[in-house]
Protein backbone atom coordinates (compact mmCIF):
# COMPACT_ATOMS: atom_id res chain seq x y z
CA MET A 1 -14.46 3.88 16.83
CA SER A 2 -11.84 4.44 14.15
CA ALA A 3 -8.24 5.17 14.95
CA ALA A 4 -6.24 8.18 13.85
CA LEU A 5 -2.71 8.86 12.71
CA LYS A 6 -0.91 11.89 14.10
CA HIS A 7 0.90 13.94 11.47
CA ARG A 8 2.15 17.53 11.75
CA ASN A 9 -0.09 18.43 14.67
CA ARG A 10 -3.19 17.08 13.01
CA SER A 11 -5.14 13.90 13.28
CA ILE A 12 -5.69 11.83 10.12
CA ALA A 13 -8.70 9.53 10.30
CA LEU A 14 -8.22 5.81 9.71
CA ASP A 15 -10.87 3.17 9.16
CA ALA A 16 -11.24 0.13 11.40
CA GLU A 17 -8.47 -1.70 9.48
CA GLY A 18 -6.02 1.19 9.65
CA ASN A 19 -6.45 2.41 6.08
CA LEU A 20 -6.87 6.12 5.42
CA ALA A 21 -10.49 7.18 5.72
CA ASN A 22 -9.87 9.99 3.21
CA LEU A 23 -7.59 9.23 0.24
CA ALA A 24 -6.73 12.94 -0.05
CA ASP A 25 -4.88 12.73 3.30
CA TRP A 26 -2.11 10.64 1.71
CA SER A 27 1.38 11.99 1.19
CA GLU A 28 4.80 10.38 1.12
CA GLU A 29 5.26 11.43 4.76
CA VAL A 30 1.96 9.77 5.69
CA ALA A 31 3.10 6.64 3.81
CA GLU A 32 6.26 6.59 5.92
CA LEU A 33 4.15 6.74 9.10
CA LEU A 34 1.79 4.01 7.90
CA ALA A 35 4.79 1.84 7.00
CA LEU A 36 6.39 2.37 10.42
CA GLU A 37 3.17 1.17 12.05
CA ALA A 38 3.66 -2.06 10.07
CA ASP A 39 7.35 -2.21 11.11
CA ILE A 40 8.52 -1.40 7.58
CA LYS A 41 11.22 1.11 6.67
CA LEU A 42 10.43 2.17 3.11
CA THR A 43 13.21 1.69 0.57
CA PRO A 44 13.30 2.55 -3.16
CA ALA A 45 12.03 -1.00 -3.84
CA HIS A 46 8.96 -0.33 -1.68
CA TRP A 47 8.35 3.00 -3.41
CA ASP A 48 8.44 1.29 -6.84
CA ILE A 49 5.59 -0.99 -5.75
CA LEU A 50 3.67 1.83 -4.05
CA ARG A 51 3.81 3.92 -7.24
CA LEU A 52 2.52 0.98 -9.29
CA VAL A 53 -0.34 0.39 -6.86
CA ARG A 54 -1.28 4.08 -6.81
CA ASN A 55 -1.17 4.27 -10.63
CA PHE A 56 -3.38 1.18 -10.87
CA HIS A 57 -5.88 2.76 -8.48
CA GLN A 58 -5.84 6.04 -10.37
CA GLN A 59 -6.58 4.26 -13.66
CA ARG A 60 -9.13 1.73 -12.40
CA GLY A 61 -10.57 3.13 -9.18
CA LEU A 62 -9.63 0.12 -7.07
CA SER A 63 -6.62 -1.47 -5.44
CA PRO A 64 -5.05 -4.52 -7.14
CA VAL A 65 -5.51 -7.95 -5.61
CA MET A 66 -2.42 -10.14 -5.21
CA ARG A 67 -2.64 -11.97 -8.53
CA ILE A 68 -2.97 -8.71 -10.46
CA LEU A 69 -0.21 -7.09 -8.39
CA VAL A 70 2.20 -9.93 -9.20
CA LYS A 71 1.43 -9.71 -12.93
CA MET A 72 1.73 -5.92 -12.91
CA VAL A 73 5.11 -6.04 -11.14
CA GLU A 74 6.33 -8.75 -13.51
CA ARG A 75 5.31 -6.67 -16.53
CA GLU A 76 6.89 -3.46 -15.20
CA MET A 77 9.95 -4.82 -13.36
CA GLY A 78 10.63 -8.25 -14.81
CA PRO A 79 10.21 -11.85 -13.63
CA ALA A 80 12.81 -11.57 -10.85
CA LYS A 81 10.50 -9.14 -9.02
CA GLY A 82 7.15 -10.23 -10.41
CA ASN A 83 6.50 -13.01 -7.93
CA SER A 84 4.89 -13.53 -4.55
CA LEU A 85 8.16 -14.15 -2.70
CA TYR A 86 9.63 -10.81 -3.74
CA LEU A 87 6.46 -8.97 -2.73
CA LEU A 88 6.31 -10.84 0.58
CA SER A 89 9.88 -9.76 1.30
CA LEU A 90 8.79 -6.14 1.00
CA PHE A 91 5.26 -6.33 2.40
CA PRO A 92 5.03 -9.33 4.79
CA GLY A 93 1.77 -11.16 5.36
CA ASN A 94 -0.54 -9.93 2.63
CA PRO A 95 1.45 -7.80 0.15
CA ALA A 96 -1.55 -6.50 -1.81
CA LYS A 97 -3.40 -5.44 1.32
CA LEU A 98 -0.35 -3.91 3.03
CA ALA A 99 0.90 -2.09 -0.09
CA ALA A 100 -2.58 -0.62 -0.61
CA LYS A 101 -2.70 0.53 3.01
CA ILE A 102 0.70 2.24 2.85
CA ALA A 103 -0.18 3.72 -0.55
CA GLY A 104 -3.19 5.36 1.10
CA LEU A 105 -5.71 3.28 -0.78
CA PRO A 106 -8.68 1.13 0.22
CA ARG A 107 -8.20 -2.55 0.90
CA PRO A 108 -8.35 -4.61 -2.31
CA VAL A 109 -11.77 -6.13 -2.95
CA HIS A 110 -12.01 -9.79 -1.85
CA CYS A 111 -8.74 -9.46 0.08
CA VAL A 112 -8.88 -11.14 3.49
C-alpha cells in the first residue's frame, strides 16, 4: 500500500518510495512538506537545485542522475557548486534521488 501526504485537507498519493504518484500534485508547498519528511528546511540554495532538476525533467522527460546533476549545476552555477560535496550538503545521502523526490519528480533511472 502506498503512503499519502496530507496537504490542505486533502491526501496526496505517494508511491512506495515516497515520490509523488501524480506529478501534477506538486507545488512549492508540497515540496516544503516532502523536504520536511527528509529533515530538510529548504533554502534558496535548495530551490536553485530544485528548479534545475524540474527544468531538466520538463525538457527531457526524466530526472537527472547524479553525474548529470553535478555537470548541470557546474554549468549553471559554477565549479564551487558543481560538485558532489556541495550537493550532498543540501541533499544528504543520494542528492539526485532526494532532489527529484522533493521536486515532485520520479526517481532517476538507475538510481539506487
